[in-house]
Protein backbone atom coordinates (compact mmCIF):
# COMPACT_ATOMS: atom_id res chain seq x y z
CA UNK A 1 -9.08 57.55 23.79
CA UNK A 2 -7.11 54.64 25.22
CA UNK A 3 -10.25 52.49 25.24
CA UNK A 4 -10.92 53.43 21.61
CA UNK A 5 -7.40 52.41 20.61
CA UNK A 6 -7.77 49.14 22.50
CA UNK A 7 -11.06 48.37 20.74
CA UNK A 8 -9.49 49.12 17.34
CA UNK A 9 -6.52 46.89 18.18
CA UNK A 10 -8.72 43.99 19.29
CA UNK A 11 -10.90 44.35 16.19
CA UNK A 12 -7.84 44.38 13.94
CA UNK A 13 -6.31 41.29 15.54
CA UNK A 14 -9.66 39.50 15.42
CA UNK A 15 -10.01 40.24 11.71
CA UNK A 16 -6.42 39.20 11.09
CA UNK A 17 -6.99 35.90 12.85
CA UNK A 18 -10.27 35.35 11.01
CA UNK A 19 -8.50 35.76 7.67
CA UNK A 20 -5.71 33.33 8.61
CA UNK A 21 -6.82 30.87 5.94
CA UNK A 22 -4.49 29.16 3.50
CA UNK A 23 -6.15 29.27 0.10
CA UNK A 24 -5.97 26.32 -2.28
CA UNK A 25 -3.01 26.52 -4.66
CA UNK A 26 -3.92 23.64 -6.98
CA UNK A 27 -7.68 24.03 -7.45
CA UNK A 28 -8.51 24.49 -11.10
CA UNK A 29 -5.37 22.70 -12.28
CA UNK A 30 -4.66 19.53 -10.34
CA UNK A 31 -8.33 19.15 -9.43
CA UNK A 32 -11.56 20.99 -10.34
CA UNK A 33 -11.99 24.56 -9.13
CA UNK A 34 -15.77 24.27 -9.06
CA UNK A 35 -17.36 22.96 -5.86
CA UNK A 36 -20.08 21.07 -7.71
CA UNK A 37 -17.66 19.51 -10.18
CA UNK A 38 -15.21 18.53 -7.44
CA UNK A 39 -17.92 16.97 -5.30
CA UNK A 40 -19.28 14.98 -8.22
CA UNK A 41 -15.82 13.76 -9.21
CA UNK A 42 -14.85 12.61 -5.71
CA UNK A 43 -18.21 11.01 -5.03
CA UNK A 44 -17.92 9.07 -8.27
CA UNK A 45 -14.51 7.72 -7.27
CA UNK A 46 -15.73 6.84 -3.78
CA UNK A 47 -18.78 5.05 -5.16
CA UNK A 48 -16.62 2.88 -7.40
CA UNK A 49 -14.06 2.00 -4.71
CA UNK A 50 -14.43 -1.46 -3.17
CA UNK A 51 -11.74 -1.81 -0.48
CA UNK A 52 -13.38 -4.64 1.44
CA UNK A 53 -13.86 -4.81 5.18
CA UNK A 54 -10.95 -4.27 7.57
CA UNK A 55 -11.45 -6.17 10.81
CA UNK A 56 -9.75 -3.79 13.19
CA UNK A 57 -8.92 -0.19 14.04
CA UNK A 58 -7.29 1.75 11.21
CA UNK A 59 -4.31 3.88 12.25
CA UNK A 60 -3.31 5.24 8.87
CA UNK A 61 -3.82 5.08 5.14
CA UNK A 62 -1.18 5.38 2.45
CA UNK A 63 -2.55 7.58 -0.31
CA UNK A 64 -1.27 8.96 -3.67
CA UNK A 65 -1.12 12.68 -4.48
CA UNK A 66 -1.03 13.19 -8.25
CA UNK A 67 -3.64 15.07 -10.29
CA UNK A 68 -7.04 13.55 -9.62
CA UNK A 69 -7.52 12.15 -13.13
CA UNK A 70 -4.44 10.01 -12.50
CA UNK A 71 -4.44 9.05 -8.81
CA UNK A 72 -7.89 9.71 -7.33
CA UNK A 73 -9.39 6.36 -8.49
CA UNK A 74 -6.77 4.69 -6.28
CA UNK A 75 -6.82 7.21 -3.40
CA UNK A 76 -10.58 6.70 -3.02
CA UNK A 77 -10.00 3.17 -1.69
CA UNK A 78 -8.23 4.32 1.47
CA UNK A 79 -10.80 6.98 2.26
CA UNK A 80 -13.68 4.60 1.55
CA UNK A 81 -12.15 2.02 3.93
CA UNK A 82 -12.01 4.64 6.69
CA UNK A 83 -15.30 6.47 6.15
CA UNK A 84 -17.35 4.76 8.88
CA UNK A 85 -15.00 5.91 11.66
CA UNK A 86 -15.70 8.90 13.90
CA UNK A 87 -12.65 10.92 12.91
CA UNK A 88 -12.05 14.25 14.61
CA UNK A 89 -8.47 14.90 13.47
CA UNK A 90 -6.67 13.91 10.27
CA UNK A 91 -2.87 14.16 10.29
CA UNK A 92 -1.70 14.61 6.70
CA UNK A 93 2.01 13.80 6.29
CA UNK A 94 3.64 14.93 3.08
CA UNK A 95 6.98 16.37 2.05
CA UNK A 96 8.39 19.33 0.17
CA UNK A 97 8.71 18.87 -3.59
CA UNK A 98 9.79 22.46 -4.19
CA UNK A 99 11.58 24.03 -1.22
CA UNK A 100 14.49 23.01 0.95
CA UNK A 101 13.90 22.93 4.68
CA UNK A 102 16.11 21.35 7.32
CA UNK A 103 13.62 19.57 9.54
CA UNK A 104 9.88 19.01 9.76
CA UNK A 105 7.21 21.67 9.35
CA UNK A 106 3.81 21.46 11.03
CA UNK A 107 1.15 23.91 9.88
CA UNK A 108 -0.13 25.13 13.24
CA UNK A 109 -2.62 27.99 12.83
CA UNK A 110 -5.87 28.91 11.16
CA UNK A 111 -7.54 26.88 8.43
CA UNK A 112 -7.07 25.52 4.90
CA UNK A 113 -9.50 26.19 2.09
CA UNK A 114 -10.52 24.31 -1.06
CA UNK A 115 -13.59 24.73 -3.29
CA UNK A 116 -15.38 22.46 -0.78
CA UNK A 117 -14.94 24.98 2.05
CA UNK A 118 -12.61 25.63 4.96
CA UNK A 119 -11.13 23.05 7.32
CA UNK A 120 -9.71 24.19 10.63
CA UNK A 121 -6.27 23.25 11.91
CA UNK A 122 -6.22 21.19 15.12
CA UNK A 123 -4.04 23.82 16.74
CA UNK A 124 -3.78 22.04 20.07
CA UNK A 125 -2.38 18.84 18.56
CA UNK A 126 -0.16 20.79 16.15
CA UNK A 127 1.36 22.77 19.02
CA UNK A 128 2.03 19.59 21.01
CA UNK A 129 3.80 17.97 18.06
CA UNK A 130 5.92 21.09 17.51
CA UNK A 131 6.84 21.27 21.19
CA UNK A 132 8.08 17.68 21.22
CA UNK A 133 11.37 18.31 19.37
CA UNK A 134 13.41 21.29 18.08
CA UNK A 135 13.54 19.65 14.63
CA UNK A 136 9.81 20.29 14.29
CA UNK A 137 8.76 23.89 13.54
CA UNK A 138 5.97 25.93 11.95
CA UNK A 139 7.24 26.92 8.52
CA UNK A 140 4.11 27.79 6.47
CA UNK A 141 6.06 28.51 3.27
CA UNK A 142 6.89 24.83 2.93
CA UNK A 143 3.25 24.12 2.05
CA UNK A 144 3.04 26.58 -0.85
CA UNK A 145 1.79 24.63 -3.91
CA UNK A 146 2.72 21.39 -2.13
CA UNK A 147 0.59 18.70 -3.76
CA UNK A 148 1.66 15.92 -1.38
CA UNK A 149 -0.45 17.60 1.31
CA UNK A 150 -3.10 19.61 -0.53
CA UNK A 151 -4.28 16.74 -2.75
CA UNK A 152 -5.44 14.81 0.34
CA UNK A 153 -7.62 17.63 1.69
CA UNK A 154 -10.65 17.52 -0.66
CA UNK A 155 -11.02 13.80 0.06
CA UNK A 156 -10.80 14.55 3.80
CA UNK A 157 -13.50 17.20 3.43
CA UNK A 158 -15.76 14.80 1.53
CA UNK A 159 -15.41 11.84 3.90
CA UNK A 160 -14.73 13.41 7.32
CA UNK A 161 -16.83 16.54 7.10
CA UNK A 162 -16.32 17.82 10.66
CA UNK A 163 -12.70 16.79 11.15
CA UNK A 164 -9.81 19.16 11.78
CA UNK A 165 -6.42 18.64 10.17
CA UNK A 166 -2.73 18.78 11.06
CA UNK A 167 -0.69 19.23 7.84
CA UNK A 168 2.93 18.08 8.17
CA UNK A 169 5.74 18.23 5.61
CA UNK A 170 9.24 16.78 5.73
CA UNK A 171 11.95 19.03 4.40
CA UNK A 172 14.84 16.57 4.49
CA UNK A 173 15.04 12.81 3.96
CA UNK A 174 16.66 11.73 7.20
CA UNK A 175 15.78 8.51 8.98
CA UNK A 176 16.33 10.24 12.31
CA UNK A 177 13.67 12.82 11.37
CA UNK A 178 11.24 10.01 10.59
CA UNK A 179 11.89 8.63 14.06
CA UNK A 180 11.42 12.05 15.64
CA UNK A 181 7.99 12.53 14.05
CA UNK A 182 7.01 8.93 14.84
CA UNK A 183 7.83 9.53 18.50
CA UNK A 184 5.83 12.77 18.56
CA UNK A 185 2.80 11.09 16.96
CA UNK A 186 2.95 8.09 19.28
CA UNK A 187 3.21 10.29 22.36
CA UNK A 188 0.25 12.50 21.42
CA UNK A 189 -2.06 9.87 19.88
CA UNK A 190 -1.63 6.99 22.34
CA UNK A 191 -4.82 7.81 24.25
CA UNK A 192 -6.96 8.65 21.21
CA UNK A 193 -8.94 6.61 18.70
CA UNK A 194 -10.61 9.49 16.83
CA UNK A 195 -7.78 10.25 14.43
CA UNK A 196 -6.46 9.11 11.07
CA UNK A 197 -2.93 9.49 9.72
CA UNK A 198 -2.44 9.91 5.96
CA UNK A 199 1.00 9.04 4.57
CA UNK A 200 1.15 10.73 1.17
CA UNK A 201 3.23 9.10 -1.56
CA UNK A 202 3.33 8.03 -5.17
CA UNK A 203 5.38 5.00 -6.16
CA UNK A 204 7.74 4.53 -9.13
CA UNK A 205 8.07 7.41 -11.60
CA UNK A 206 8.24 7.40 -15.41
CA UNK A 207 9.13 3.80 -16.21
CA UNK A 208 7.43 1.75 -18.95
CA UNK A 209 4.24 0.06 -17.76
CA UNK A 210 5.51 -3.49 -17.14
CA UNK A 211 8.77 -2.29 -15.56
CA UNK A 212 6.82 -0.02 -13.21
CA UNK A 213 4.61 -2.92 -12.14
CA UNK A 214 7.68 -4.98 -11.32
CA UNK A 215 9.34 -2.19 -9.32
CA UNK A 216 6.16 -1.43 -7.42
CA UNK A 217 5.60 -5.09 -6.55
CA UNK A 218 8.91 -5.02 -4.70
CA UNK A 219 7.80 -1.95 -2.77
CA UNK A 220 4.46 -3.54 -1.89
CA UNK A 221 6.20 -6.68 -0.67
CA UNK A 222 8.49 -4.60 1.55
CA UNK A 223 5.51 -2.66 2.89
CA UNK A 224 3.73 -5.83 3.99
CA UNK A 225 6.62 -6.56 6.33
CA UNK A 226 5.84 -3.40 8.33
CA UNK A 227 9.50 -2.50 8.91
CA UNK A 228 10.17 1.21 8.56
CA UNK A 229 13.96 0.97 8.54
CA UNK A 230 13.94 -1.72 5.84
CA UNK A 231 11.65 0.41 3.68
CA UNK A 232 13.84 3.48 4.15
CA UNK A 233 17.04 1.58 3.39
CA UNK A 234 15.66 -0.16 0.29
CA UNK A 235 14.39 3.13 -1.11
CA UNK A 236 17.77 4.70 -0.43
CA UNK A 237 19.61 2.18 -2.60
CA UNK A 238 16.95 2.05 -5.32
CA UNK A 239 15.51 -1.41 -4.63
CA UNK A 240 12.09 0.17 -4.44
CA UNK A 241 10.74 3.59 -5.38
CA UNK A 242 8.44 5.97 -3.55
CA UNK A 243 8.70 9.74 -3.40
CA UNK A 244 7.07 9.84 0.04
CA UNK A 245 9.59 7.60 1.75
CA UNK A 246 9.63 9.92 4.78
CA UNK A 247 5.84 10.04 5.36
CA UNK A 248 5.52 6.28 4.94
CA UNK A 249 8.58 5.46 7.07
CA UNK A 250 7.43 7.75 9.89
CA UNK A 251 3.93 6.30 9.74
CA UNK A 252 5.15 2.71 9.99
CA UNK A 253 7.47 3.60 12.88
CA UNK A 254 4.63 5.35 14.73
CA UNK A 255 2.29 2.43 14.07
CA UNK A 256 4.83 0.03 15.54
CA UNK A 257 5.10 2.12 18.72
CA UNK A 258 1.32 2.07 19.14
CA UNK A 259 0.79 -1.63 18.38
CA UNK A 260 -0.68 -1.32 14.88
CA UNK A 261 1.01 -4.26 13.19
CA UNK A 262 -0.99 -5.07 10.07
CA UNK A 263 -1.28 -3.58 6.61
CA UNK A 264 -3.82 -4.26 3.88
CA UNK A 265 -3.16 -3.37 0.27
CA UNK A 266 -6.43 -1.84 -0.89
CA UNK A 267 -5.61 -0.91 -4.46
CA UNK A 268 -2.61 -0.61 -6.76
CA UNK A 269 -2.61 0.89 -10.24
CA UNK A 270 -0.48 3.25 -12.25
CA UNK A 271 -1.19 6.12 -14.59
CA UNK A 272 -1.22 3.68 -17.50
CA UNK A 273 -4.29 2.08 -15.91
CA UNK A 274 -6.04 5.30 -14.95
CA UNK A 275 -5.07 7.64 -17.78
CA UNK A 276 -4.11 5.29 -20.61
CA UNK A 277 -0.56 6.24 -21.65
CA UNK A 278 1.69 3.29 -20.75
CA UNK A 279 5.01 4.56 -22.11
CA UNK A 280 6.05 6.37 -18.93
CA UNK A 281 3.87 5.79 -15.89
CA UNK A 282 3.66 6.72 -12.21
CA UNK A 283 2.60 4.14 -9.64
CA UNK A 284 -0.20 4.70 -7.11
CA UNK A 285 -1.05 2.73 -3.98
CA UNK A 286 -3.83 2.80 -1.42
CA UNK A 287 -3.22 0.80 1.76
CA UNK A 288 -4.43 0.73 5.37
CA UNK A 289 -2.32 0.24 8.48
CA UNK A 290 -4.40 -1.23 11.27
CA UNK A 291 -4.63 -3.30 14.43
CA UNK A 292 -6.50 -6.59 14.06
CA UNK A 293 -9.22 -7.71 16.40
CA UNK A 294 -11.09 -10.92 17.04
CA UNK A 295 -9.92 -14.49 16.51
CA UNK A 296 -7.54 -15.03 13.61
CA UNK A 297 -7.91 -17.98 11.29
CA UNK A 298 -5.50 -20.80 12.03
CA UNK A 299 -2.75 -21.34 9.47
CA UNK A 300 -3.96 -24.81 8.54
CA UNK A 301 -7.59 -23.74 8.01
CA UNK A 302 -8.55 -24.02 4.31
CA UNK A 303 -9.19 -20.63 2.75
CA UNK A 304 -11.45 -21.85 -0.08
CA UNK A 305 -14.25 -24.34 -0.48
CA UNK A 306 -14.57 -26.69 -3.46
CA UNK A 307 -16.93 -24.40 -5.38
CA UNK A 308 -14.55 -21.45 -5.04
CA UNK A 309 -11.58 -23.56 -6.14
CA UNK A 310 -13.47 -24.82 -9.18
CA UNK A 311 -14.39 -21.27 -10.16
CA UNK A 312 -10.80 -20.02 -9.89
CA UNK A 313 -9.56 -22.90 -12.06
CA UNK A 314 -12.24 -22.04 -14.62
CA UNK A 315 -11.16 -18.38 -14.59
CA UNK A 316 -7.51 -19.37 -15.04
CA UNK A 317 -8.28 -21.74 -17.92
CA UNK A 318 -10.53 -19.26 -19.75
CA UNK A 319 -8.00 -16.44 -19.25
CA UNK A 320 -5.14 -18.44 -20.74
CA UNK A 321 -7.26 -19.73 -23.62
CA UNK A 322 -8.59 -16.29 -24.57
CA UNK A 323 -5.21 -14.61 -24.40
CA UNK A 324 -3.22 -17.30 -26.21
CA UNK A 325 -5.79 -17.74 -29.00
CA UNK A 326 -6.97 -14.16 -29.52
CA UNK A 327 -4.61 -11.90 -27.56
CA UNK A 328 -7.54 -10.64 -25.47
CA UNK A 329 -7.99 -10.55 -21.70
CA UNK A 330 -11.35 -11.98 -20.74
CA UNK A 331 -13.33 -9.96 -18.18
CA UNK A 332 -14.86 -11.53 -15.08
CA UNK A 333 -17.17 -10.28 -12.34
CA UNK A 334 -17.50 -12.18 -9.08
CA UNK A 335 -19.83 -11.51 -6.14
CA UNK A 336 -18.36 -14.16 -3.83
CA UNK A 337 -16.77 -12.27 -0.91
CA UNK A 338 -13.91 -14.76 -0.60
CA UNK A 339 -12.99 -14.43 -4.27
CA UNK A 340 -12.94 -10.66 -3.80
CA UNK A 341 -10.42 -10.79 -0.97
CA UNK A 342 -6.97 -9.38 -1.67
CA UNK A 343 -4.80 -12.48 -1.33
CA UNK A 344 -1.56 -13.42 -3.01
CA UNK A 345 -1.68 -16.24 -5.55
CA UNK A 346 0.55 -18.22 -7.91
CA UNK A 347 -0.56 -19.99 -11.07
CA UNK A 348 1.54 -22.93 -12.25
CA UNK A 349 1.30 -24.64 -15.64
CA UNK A 350 2.48 -28.22 -16.27
CA UNK A 351 2.80 -29.98 -19.61
CA UNK A 352 3.23 -33.75 -19.63
CA UNK A 353 4.14 -33.58 -15.97
CA UNK A 354 6.88 -30.98 -16.48
CA UNK A 355 6.85 -27.35 -15.34
CA UNK A 356 5.72 -25.05 -18.18
CA UNK A 357 5.40 -21.73 -16.35
CA UNK A 358 4.83 -20.30 -12.89
CA UNK A 359 4.14 -16.67 -11.99
CA UNK A 360 2.50 -15.12 -8.94
CA UNK A 361 2.12 -12.28 -6.48
CA UNK A 362 3.13 -12.81 -2.86
CA UNK A 363 0.62 -10.24 -1.65
CA UNK A 364 -2.81 -9.33 -2.90
CA UNK A 365 -3.04 -6.33 -5.21
CA UNK A 366 -6.69 -6.61 -6.12
CA UNK A 367 -9.51 -9.16 -5.92
CA UNK A 368 -8.28 -12.77 -5.77
CA UNK A 369 -10.17 -13.80 -8.89
CA UNK A 370 -8.51 -11.02 -10.91
CA UNK A 371 -5.07 -11.90 -9.54
CA UNK A 372 -5.61 -15.51 -10.66
CA UNK A 373 -6.70 -14.35 -14.13
CA UNK A 374 -3.66 -12.08 -14.46
CA UNK A 375 -1.15 -14.61 -13.13
CA UNK A 376 -2.52 -17.34 -15.40
CA UNK A 377 -1.79 -15.18 -18.43
CA UNK A 378 1.65 -14.29 -17.06
CA UNK A 379 2.49 -17.95 -16.44
CA UNK A 380 1.57 -18.73 -20.05
CA UNK A 381 3.32 -15.78 -21.67
CA UNK A 382 5.64 -14.04 -19.22
CA UNK A 383 7.80 -16.64 -17.48
CA UNK A 384 11.30 -15.88 -18.80
CA UNK A 385 12.32 -19.52 -18.41
CA UNK A 386 9.92 -20.69 -21.12
CA UNK A 387 8.68 -19.61 -24.55
CA UNK A 388 5.18 -18.21 -24.84
CA UNK A 389 2.53 -20.91 -24.75
CA UNK A 390 1.20 -21.74 -28.22
CA UNK A 391 -2.45 -22.48 -29.09
CA UNK A 392 -1.49 -26.09 -29.86
CA UNK A 393 -0.33 -26.56 -26.27
CA UNK A 394 -3.58 -25.47 -24.63
CA UNK A 395 -4.98 -28.99 -24.56
CA UNK A 396 -1.71 -30.38 -23.18
CA UNK A 397 -1.33 -28.21 -20.07
CA UNK A 398 -2.89 -28.59 -16.67
CA UNK A 399 -3.28 -25.68 -14.26
CA UNK A 400 -2.47 -25.50 -10.57
CA UNK A 401 -3.32 -22.55 -8.31
CA UNK A 402 -1.76 -21.66 -4.96
CA UNK A 403 -3.72 -19.12 -2.90
CA UNK A 404 -1.46 -17.70 -0.21
CA UNK A 405 -2.16 -16.69 3.36
CA UNK A 406 -0.71 -13.38 4.61
CA UNK A 407 2.99 -13.66 5.48
CA UNK A 408 4.08 -13.86 9.12
CA UNK A 409 7.56 -13.05 10.34
CA UNK A 410 9.17 -15.69 12.55
CA UNK A 411 11.81 -15.04 15.17
CA UNK A 412 13.83 -18.19 14.50
CA UNK A 413 14.05 -21.15 12.08
CA UNK A 414 12.52 -23.34 14.77
CA UNK A 415 9.11 -21.85 13.96
CA UNK A 416 9.26 -23.00 10.34
CA UNK A 417 7.25 -26.15 9.61
CA UNK A 418 8.47 -28.28 6.70
CA UNK A 419 6.32 -29.61 5.13
CA UNK A 420 3.59 -27.06 5.74
CA UNK A 421 5.05 -23.59 5.33
CA UNK A 422 6.20 -21.63 2.35
CA UNK A 423 9.11 -19.38 3.25
CA UNK A 424 10.43 -16.00 2.14
CA UNK A 425 14.04 -15.37 3.11
CA UNK A 426 15.93 -12.09 2.76
CA UNK A 427 19.03 -10.29 3.93
CA UNK A 428 21.19 -7.43 2.68
CA UNK A 429 22.49 -9.57 -0.19
CA UNK A 430 19.19 -10.75 -1.68
CA UNK A 431 16.03 -12.73 -1.13
CA UNK A 432 13.81 -15.46 -2.50
CA UNK A 433 10.73 -17.54 -1.84
CA UNK A 434 9.62 -21.16 -2.09
CA UNK A 435 5.97 -22.21 -2.07
CA UNK A 436 4.94 -24.86 0.48
CA UNK A 437 4.56 -27.59 -2.14
CA UNK A 438 8.25 -27.35 -3.12
CA UNK A 439 9.25 -29.36 -0.05
CA UNK A 440 6.67 -32.06 -0.79
CA UNK A 441 7.46 -32.32 -4.50
CA UNK A 442 11.21 -32.48 -3.79
CA UNK A 443 11.00 -34.72 -0.74
CA UNK A 444 13.10 -32.23 1.25
CA UNK A 445 13.38 -31.87 4.99
CA UNK A 446 13.76 -28.42 6.57
CA UNK A 447 17.55 -28.37 6.24
CA UNK A 448 17.40 -29.25 2.53
CA UNK A 449 14.50 -26.90 1.84
CA UNK A 450 16.09 -23.87 3.52
CA UNK A 451 19.57 -24.54 2.14
CA UNK A 452 18.22 -24.71 -1.40
CA UNK A 453 16.02 -21.65 -0.87
CA UNK A 454 18.99 -19.57 0.26
CA UNK A 455 21.72 -20.94 -1.99
CA UNK A 456 19.79 -21.65 -5.19
CA UNK A 457 16.71 -19.42 -5.24
CA UNK A 458 17.80 -16.36 -3.25
CA UNK A 459 21.46 -16.40 -4.35
CA UNK A 460 22.75 -15.85 -0.83
CA UNK A 461 24.86 -18.04 1.43
CA UNK A 462 23.28 -21.51 1.75
CA UNK A 463 23.31 -21.30 5.55
CA UNK A 464 22.12 -17.66 5.70
CA UNK A 465 18.82 -18.81 7.21
CA UNK A 466 20.71 -19.73 10.38
CA UNK A 467 22.54 -16.40 10.66
CA UNK A 468 21.64 -13.14 12.46
CA UNK A 469 20.47 -10.42 10.12
CA UNK A 470 18.45 -12.76 7.91
CA UNK A 471 14.68 -12.25 7.96
CA UNK A 472 12.34 -15.23 7.66
CA UNK A 473 8.65 -15.04 6.76
CA UNK A 474 6.27 -18.00 6.58
CA UNK A 475 2.93 -18.49 4.90
CA UNK A 476 0.63 -21.30 3.95
CA UNK A 477 -1.06 -22.04 0.64
CA UNK A 478 -4.33 -23.56 -0.45
CA UNK A 479 -3.04 -25.60 -3.42
CA UNK A 480 -5.40 -27.17 -5.95
CA UNK A 481 -5.34 -28.04 -9.62
CA UNK A 482 -7.25 -29.39 -12.56
CA UNK A 483 -5.80 -32.85 -11.98
CA UNK A 484 -7.12 -32.87 -8.41
CA UNK A 485 -10.65 -31.70 -9.22
């Protein structure tokens, strides 16, 4: 009789464990409930994504989590960039939209299900993360209908078919909690290369289209600096917007501990781009945090050859002409790999030798050729210092393009080369940037350049560049124009 009871007990517990599967909450609403339809949708987004090659080991991707019709075209870029890696565990870091929880919850048992099947929890890693700090616990209720985590899973199942997952959700927005999770991740991932972290976030919420783009550009610029505390602080005072400030902050802090010091912006768009309504939009970003490898290009190495420069000038000229004359954006398609890199660029217009407009992006947010086309139109129509360019002025302007290298933080002003470097300066009071050619055009030495940058452009103390607490970033620019062809 005792043996019979024992057998029944073991059978019951076995069945209970086997049914320990979290069913999908959002299938059929936020994304298709049919396996075939979901597979076709995700494969279509993955096929269209063109993130470019990342020369190094990817630690994490930043990925949006809205309904798939809105955010999946952007999310696909991060997963596509990571698909060739042998990933055994995916750590999905989200947060609670709907329930309060004081601490961090790690889903530690069983499996999660979507229409694409079941994905097992990496229980060993989950238990180790939980054991690392009392602030981390297993609170399964925090994941009920939580889109910041669930919306990543179907992509994981499509791209990393045999991987296990560790779902994590922040309950409170505390910088100390971000540090706690970062420490736990660094401790348990330091000897592994077969993992991927996903930091789940959307960007600005419900602003008009152009305003959202401006707000999100600030966030992207802050992200490229790879400073978790700065990101957290700026989000806290409203300088930038992202709902997943905790997942992204923790990811950057963990990356820093493990030596992953680079980030590549793979794709930015908002719901106005993906769904069409531009009155109130939500911003979406796909980015990869990685560790570079191989020999890096020297700062003074030209980024473009003469043919590539000529083509970008042609794109800028045709973009301005089409938009000013007809109000239409001309479409371009380029196969040149260099022109498809995501690099920052400024377009400057001169008329009779005088500045007539200058607009740019410090960091790449799409293919270089498209950035040049967009910035050319903005320089002609969106520089608040000047009226919109008229058709009669088209023959009077000349175009100059500055293609920017990635920014590099310097430890002291002694590392700044003037002439040579462009500089971004920032502290708690403000920030600003000068392109490299400003020093040459003005005839300034370093002292004059930096004093003007701080006092005139950034609106901070003129000598702030010499003070502790001020951050300095340098970059170079490939500068060319129609007059120098």
